[in-house]
């Protein structure tokens, strides 16, 4: 599993829930060079919707909720993954930017509540 898309209960109550994510962004923001695409004030308005196995985070802004941004774990600048979730997932799997491109496109739901599925 490379990408995890959070269900609503995960965004509200999960380990990397919205409140915790905003607290972390507010406290540890380091992307001051990226003011054009994603400045701190804009990031604090965003909603985290998922992440990657490598720790990159997928976020959206309420002003344009179809535009999916990636906050890369190992980079100073945010990236635009695509317009809409399907396009963003395809970009994450094939762009060869955050990870080596791969062709597998298997979907496996995960139980973020910790119950056996």
N, C-alpha and C. Protein backbone atom coordinates (compact mmCIF):
# COMPACT_ATOMS: atom_id res chain seq x y z
N UNK A 1 0.85 -1.17 0.00
CA UNK A 1 0.00 0.00 0.00
C UNK A 1 0.90 1.24 0.00
N UNK A 2 0.76 2.06 -1.01
CA UNK A 2 1.57 3.27 -1.11
C UNK A 2 0.79 4.51 -0.67
N UNK A 3 -0.50 4.59 -1.00
CA UNK A 3 -1.31 5.76 -0.70
C UNK A 3 -2.47 5.34 0.21
N UNK A 4 -2.72 6.14 1.23
CA UNK A 4 -3.89 5.93 2.09
C UNK A 4 -4.77 7.17 1.99
N UNK A 5 -6.02 6.97 1.63
CA UNK A 5 -7.00 8.05 1.63
C UNK A 5 -7.83 7.87 2.89
N UNK A 6 -7.92 8.90 3.68
CA UNK A 6 -8.59 8.81 4.98
C UNK A 6 -10.11 8.87 4.83
N UNK A 7 -10.82 7.99 5.51
CA UNK A 7 -12.27 8.13 5.61
C UNK A 7 -12.59 9.27 6.59
N UNK A 8 -13.81 9.79 6.56
CA UNK A 8 -14.14 10.93 7.42
C UNK A 8 -13.81 10.74 8.90
N UNK A 9 -14.09 9.57 9.46
CA UNK A 9 -13.80 9.38 10.89
C UNK A 9 -12.31 9.47 11.18
N UNK A 10 -11.47 9.10 10.23
CA UNK A 10 -10.02 9.21 10.40
C UNK A 10 -9.60 10.69 10.41
N UNK A 11 -10.20 11.50 9.54
CA UNK A 11 -9.88 12.93 9.49
C UNK A 11 -10.29 13.60 10.80
N UNK A 12 -11.40 13.16 11.38
CA UNK A 12 -11.89 13.78 12.61
C UNK A 12 -11.27 13.22 13.88
N UNK A 13 -10.98 11.91 13.90
CA UNK A 13 -10.59 11.28 15.16
C UNK A 13 -9.36 10.38 15.08
N UNK A 14 -8.77 10.23 13.91
CA UNK A 14 -7.66 9.29 13.75
C UNK A 14 -6.35 9.80 14.29
N UNK A 15 -5.33 8.98 14.14
CA UNK A 15 -3.99 9.30 14.63
C UNK A 15 -3.46 10.62 14.05
N UNK A 16 -3.64 10.81 12.75
CA UNK A 16 -3.19 12.04 12.09
C UNK A 16 -4.40 12.92 11.77
N UNK A 17 -5.30 13.05 12.73
CA UNK A 17 -6.54 13.81 12.53
C UNK A 17 -6.26 15.28 12.24
N UNK A 18 -7.25 15.93 11.70
CA UNK A 18 -7.14 17.32 11.28
C UNK A 18 -6.59 18.22 12.39
N UNK A 19 -7.11 18.11 13.58
CA UNK A 19 -6.67 18.98 14.68
C UNK A 19 -5.18 18.78 14.98
N UNK A 20 -4.73 17.54 15.01
CA UNK A 20 -3.31 17.27 15.27
C UNK A 20 -2.44 17.77 14.13
N UNK A 21 -2.93 17.57 12.90
CA UNK A 21 -2.17 18.01 11.73
C UNK A 21 -2.01 19.53 11.75
N UNK A 22 -3.09 20.26 12.02
CA UNK A 22 -3.02 21.73 12.07
C UNK A 22 -2.09 22.21 13.18
N UNK A 23 -2.13 21.55 14.32
CA UNK A 23 -1.24 21.90 15.42
C UNK A 23 0.22 21.72 15.02
N UNK A 24 0.50 20.62 14.34
CA UNK A 24 1.87 20.34 13.89
C UNK A 24 2.32 21.34 12.84
N UNK A 25 1.44 21.65 11.88
CA UNK A 25 1.78 22.63 10.84
C UNK A 25 2.04 24.00 11.47
N UNK A 26 1.20 24.39 12.41
CA UNK A 26 1.36 25.68 13.06
C UNK A 26 2.68 25.76 13.84
N UNK A 27 3.05 24.67 14.47
CA UNK A 27 4.25 24.66 15.30
C UNK A 27 5.54 24.45 14.50
N UNK A 28 5.50 23.62 13.46
CA UNK A 28 6.74 23.23 12.79
C UNK A 28 6.82 23.65 11.33
N UNK A 29 6.09 24.66 10.91
CA UNK A 29 6.11 25.09 9.52
C UNK A 29 7.54 25.50 9.13
N UNK A 30 8.03 24.96 8.01
CA UNK A 30 9.40 25.27 7.57
C UNK A 30 9.46 25.65 6.10
N UNK A 31 8.34 25.81 5.45
CA UNK A 31 8.32 26.06 4.01
C UNK A 31 8.17 27.55 3.69
N UNK A 32 8.98 28.39 4.29
CA UNK A 32 8.88 29.82 4.06
C UNK A 32 9.26 30.24 2.65
N UNK A 33 9.99 29.40 1.93
CA UNK A 33 10.37 29.72 0.56
C UNK A 33 9.24 29.42 -0.43
N UNK A 34 8.18 28.78 0.02
CA UNK A 34 7.09 28.33 -0.85
C UNK A 34 5.85 29.21 -0.69
N UNK A 35 6.05 30.51 -0.64
CA UNK A 35 4.92 31.41 -0.36
C UNK A 35 3.93 31.52 -1.51
N UNK A 36 4.34 31.24 -2.74
CA UNK A 36 3.45 31.40 -3.88
C UNK A 36 2.38 30.30 -3.92
N UNK A 37 2.79 29.04 -3.77
CA UNK A 37 1.84 27.93 -3.87
C UNK A 37 1.19 27.61 -2.54
N UNK A 38 1.97 27.56 -1.47
CA UNK A 38 1.42 27.14 -0.18
C UNK A 38 2.13 27.87 0.96
N UNK A 39 1.62 29.04 1.32
CA UNK A 39 2.16 29.75 2.47
C UNK A 39 1.49 29.22 3.74
N UNK A 40 2.05 29.54 4.87
CA UNK A 40 1.58 28.98 6.13
C UNK A 40 0.10 29.25 6.39
N UNK A 41 -0.36 30.46 6.13
CA UNK A 41 -1.76 30.79 6.39
C UNK A 41 -2.70 29.93 5.54
N UNK A 42 -2.32 29.69 4.29
CA UNK A 42 -3.12 28.84 3.42
C UNK A 42 -3.09 27.40 3.91
N UNK A 43 -1.92 26.92 4.31
CA UNK A 43 -1.79 25.55 4.81
C UNK A 43 -2.68 25.33 6.03
N UNK A 44 -2.78 26.33 6.88
CA UNK A 44 -3.61 26.20 8.07
C UNK A 44 -5.10 26.17 7.76
N UNK A 45 -5.48 26.51 6.55
CA UNK A 45 -6.88 26.41 6.12
C UNK A 45 -7.16 25.08 5.43
N UNK A 46 -6.12 24.32 5.13
CA UNK A 46 -6.26 23.08 4.38
C UNK A 46 -6.77 21.93 5.25
N UNK A 47 -7.21 20.89 4.58
CA UNK A 47 -7.71 19.68 5.23
C UNK A 47 -6.86 18.52 4.75
N UNK A 48 -6.35 17.75 5.67
CA UNK A 48 -5.57 16.57 5.30
C UNK A 48 -6.54 15.45 4.90
N UNK A 49 -6.28 14.83 3.76
CA UNK A 49 -7.19 13.78 3.28
C UNK A 49 -6.50 12.44 3.12
N UNK A 50 -5.17 12.40 3.29
CA UNK A 50 -4.46 11.14 3.14
C UNK A 50 -2.98 11.33 3.26
N UNK A 51 -2.27 10.23 3.05
CA UNK A 51 -0.81 10.27 3.09
C UNK A 51 -0.24 9.13 2.26
N UNK A 52 1.08 9.14 2.15
CA UNK A 52 1.76 8.04 1.46
C UNK A 52 2.57 7.25 2.48
N UNK A 53 2.99 6.11 2.07
CA UNK A 53 3.82 5.24 2.90
C UNK A 53 5.09 5.97 3.34
N UNK A 54 5.57 6.88 2.51
CA UNK A 54 6.81 7.61 2.80
C UNK A 54 6.60 8.84 3.68
N UNK A 55 5.36 9.14 4.05
CA UNK A 55 5.08 10.27 4.94
C UNK A 55 4.71 11.56 4.25
N UNK A 56 4.50 11.52 2.93
CA UNK A 56 4.01 12.70 2.21
C UNK A 56 2.52 12.82 2.52
N UNK A 57 2.04 14.06 2.69
CA UNK A 57 0.64 14.24 3.07
C UNK A 57 -0.16 14.88 1.95
N UNK A 58 -1.37 14.37 1.73
CA UNK A 58 -2.28 14.89 0.71
C UNK A 58 -3.25 15.83 1.40
N UNK A 59 -3.37 17.05 0.86
CA UNK A 59 -4.23 18.04 1.46
C UNK A 59 -5.05 18.75 0.38
N UNK A 60 -6.16 19.32 0.80
CA UNK A 60 -6.99 20.14 -0.09
C UNK A 60 -7.28 21.46 0.61
N UNK A 61 -7.57 22.48 -0.18
CA UNK A 61 -7.95 23.78 0.37
C UNK A 61 -9.43 23.99 0.07
N UNK A 62 -10.21 24.47 1.04
CA UNK A 62 -11.65 24.67 0.81
C UNK A 62 -11.98 25.60 -0.35
N UNK A 63 -11.09 26.50 -0.70
CA UNK A 63 -11.33 27.41 -1.81
C UNK A 63 -11.30 26.73 -3.17
N UNK A 64 -10.65 25.57 -3.27
CA UNK A 64 -10.57 24.78 -4.50
C UNK A 64 -10.41 23.32 -4.10
N UNK A 65 -11.47 22.69 -3.58
CA UNK A 65 -11.36 21.36 -3.00
C UNK A 65 -11.02 20.24 -3.99
N UNK A 66 -11.09 20.51 -5.28
CA UNK A 66 -10.72 19.48 -6.26
C UNK A 66 -9.22 19.45 -6.51
N UNK A 67 -8.52 20.50 -6.16
CA UNK A 67 -7.07 20.57 -6.36
C UNK A 67 -6.39 19.89 -5.17
N UNK A 68 -5.69 18.81 -5.45
CA UNK A 68 -5.03 18.04 -4.39
C UNK A 68 -3.56 18.43 -4.36
N UNK A 69 -3.13 18.87 -3.19
CA UNK A 69 -1.72 19.23 -2.97
C UNK A 69 -1.04 18.09 -2.24
N UNK A 70 0.26 18.02 -2.42
CA UNK A 70 1.08 17.09 -1.64
C UNK A 70 2.07 17.93 -0.85
N UNK A 71 2.11 17.67 0.43
CA UNK A 71 3.11 18.26 1.30
C UNK A 71 4.18 17.19 1.48
N UNK A 72 5.26 17.25 0.68
CA UNK A 72 6.26 16.19 0.70
C UNK A 72 7.06 16.16 2.00
N UNK A 73 7.35 15.00 2.45
CA UNK A 73 8.12 14.84 3.68
C UNK A 73 9.55 15.34 3.51
N UNK A 74 10.13 15.13 2.34
CA UNK A 74 11.54 15.44 2.14
C UNK A 74 11.76 16.60 1.18
N UNK A 75 10.88 17.60 1.21
CA UNK A 75 11.03 18.72 0.30
C UNK A 75 10.56 20.00 0.96
N UNK A 76 11.08 21.11 0.51
CA UNK A 76 10.72 22.41 1.05
C UNK A 76 9.46 23.00 0.42
N UNK A 77 9.02 22.45 -0.70
CA UNK A 77 7.91 23.05 -1.44
C UNK A 77 6.76 22.07 -1.62
N UNK A 78 5.54 22.59 -1.51
CA UNK A 78 4.35 21.78 -1.79
C UNK A 78 4.25 21.54 -3.29
N UNK A 79 3.53 20.51 -3.66
CA UNK A 79 3.33 20.15 -5.06
C UNK A 79 1.83 20.03 -5.33
N UNK A 80 1.45 20.23 -6.57
CA UNK A 80 0.06 19.97 -6.98
C UNK A 80 0.04 18.59 -7.60
N UNK A 81 -0.73 17.69 -7.01
CA UNK A 81 -0.81 16.32 -7.51
C UNK A 81 -1.82 16.18 -8.62
N UNK A 82 -2.83 17.04 -8.64
CA UNK A 82 -3.81 16.94 -9.70
C UNK A 82 -5.13 17.58 -9.33
N UNK A 83 -6.01 17.57 -10.30
CA UNK A 83 -7.36 18.07 -10.12
C UNK A 83 -8.28 16.87 -9.91
N UNK A 84 -8.68 16.67 -8.69
CA UNK A 84 -9.49 15.51 -8.35
C UNK A 84 -8.64 14.38 -7.81
N UNK A 85 -9.26 13.55 -7.04
CA UNK A 85 -8.55 12.47 -6.36
C UNK A 85 -7.97 11.44 -7.31
N UNK A 86 -8.70 11.06 -8.35
CA UNK A 86 -8.21 10.05 -9.29
C UNK A 86 -6.94 10.55 -9.99
N UNK A 87 -6.97 11.79 -10.46
CA UNK A 87 -5.80 12.37 -11.12
C UNK A 87 -4.62 12.48 -10.16
N UNK A 88 -4.89 12.84 -8.91
CA UNK A 88 -3.83 12.95 -7.91
C UNK A 88 -3.19 11.59 -7.63
N UNK A 89 -4.01 10.56 -7.50
CA UNK A 89 -3.48 9.21 -7.25
C UNK A 89 -2.64 8.76 -8.44
N UNK A 90 -3.11 8.99 -9.64
CA UNK A 90 -2.34 8.62 -10.84
C UNK A 90 -1.00 9.36 -10.86
N UNK A 91 -1.00 10.64 -10.53
CA UNK A 91 0.24 11.42 -10.49
C UNK A 91 1.20 10.85 -9.45
N UNK A 92 0.69 10.52 -8.27
CA UNK A 92 1.53 9.97 -7.21
C UNK A 92 2.19 8.66 -7.65
N UNK A 93 1.45 7.85 -8.41
CA UNK A 93 1.96 6.54 -8.83
C UNK A 93 2.86 6.60 -10.06
N UNK A 94 2.72 7.63 -10.88
CA UNK A 94 3.44 7.61 -12.16
C UNK A 94 4.36 8.79 -12.42
N UNK A 95 4.36 9.81 -11.60
CA UNK A 95 5.16 11.01 -11.89
C UNK A 95 6.66 10.80 -11.72
N UNK A 96 7.05 9.81 -10.95
CA UNK A 96 8.46 9.53 -10.70
C UNK A 96 9.11 10.68 -9.92
N UNK A 97 8.32 11.41 -9.15
CA UNK A 97 8.85 12.53 -8.37
C UNK A 97 9.04 12.16 -6.91
N UNK A 98 8.01 11.65 -6.26
CA UNK A 98 8.12 11.30 -4.85
C UNK A 98 8.57 9.86 -4.63
N UNK A 99 8.32 9.04 -5.60
CA UNK A 99 8.75 7.64 -5.56
C UNK A 99 8.93 7.18 -6.99
N UNK A 100 9.63 6.09 -7.15
CA UNK A 100 9.81 5.53 -8.49
C UNK A 100 8.44 5.14 -9.05
N UNK A 101 8.19 5.50 -10.30
CA UNK A 101 6.90 5.20 -10.92
C UNK A 101 6.64 3.69 -10.91
N UNK A 102 5.38 3.33 -10.74
CA UNK A 102 4.99 1.93 -10.79
C UNK A 102 3.66 1.79 -11.49
N UNK A 103 3.43 0.64 -12.08
CA UNK A 103 2.24 0.43 -12.90
C UNK A 103 1.10 -0.25 -12.15
N UNK A 104 1.37 -0.91 -11.04
CA UNK A 104 0.32 -1.59 -10.30
C UNK A 104 -0.69 -0.57 -9.80
N UNK A 105 -1.95 -0.90 -9.93
CA UNK A 105 -3.03 -0.03 -9.45
C UNK A 105 -4.05 -0.87 -8.70
N UNK A 106 -3.60 -1.52 -7.66
CA UNK A 106 -4.49 -2.36 -6.85
C UNK A 106 -5.11 -1.52 -5.74
N UNK A 107 -6.38 -1.72 -5.52
CA UNK A 107 -7.08 -1.04 -4.44
C UNK A 107 -7.32 -2.03 -3.32
N UNK A 108 -6.92 -1.66 -2.14
CA UNK A 108 -7.16 -2.50 -0.98
C UNK A 108 -7.64 -1.61 0.15
N UNK A 109 -8.92 -1.72 0.54
CA UNK A 109 -9.39 -0.89 1.64
C UNK A 109 -8.70 -1.28 2.94
N UNK A 110 -8.46 -0.31 3.75
CA UNK A 110 -7.89 -0.61 5.06
C UNK A 110 -8.87 -0.17 6.13
N UNK A 111 -8.84 -0.86 7.22
CA UNK A 111 -9.76 -0.56 8.32
C UNK A 111 -9.03 0.36 9.29
N UNK A 112 -9.30 1.65 9.17
CA UNK A 112 -8.61 2.61 10.02
C UNK A 112 -9.16 2.63 11.44
N UNK A 113 -10.19 1.85 11.71
CA UNK A 113 -10.70 1.75 13.07
C UNK A 113 -9.98 0.67 13.86
N UNK A 114 -9.13 -0.10 13.17
CA UNK A 114 -8.35 -1.13 13.85
C UNK A 114 -9.07 -2.45 14.02
N UNK A 115 -10.19 -2.61 13.36
CA UNK A 115 -10.93 -3.86 13.44
C UNK A 115 -10.53 -4.76 12.28
N UNK A 116 -10.61 -6.04 12.47
CA UNK A 116 -10.30 -6.99 11.39
C UNK A 116 -11.33 -6.84 10.28
N UNK A 117 -10.86 -6.84 9.03
CA UNK A 117 -11.80 -6.70 7.94
C UNK A 117 -12.08 -8.02 7.28
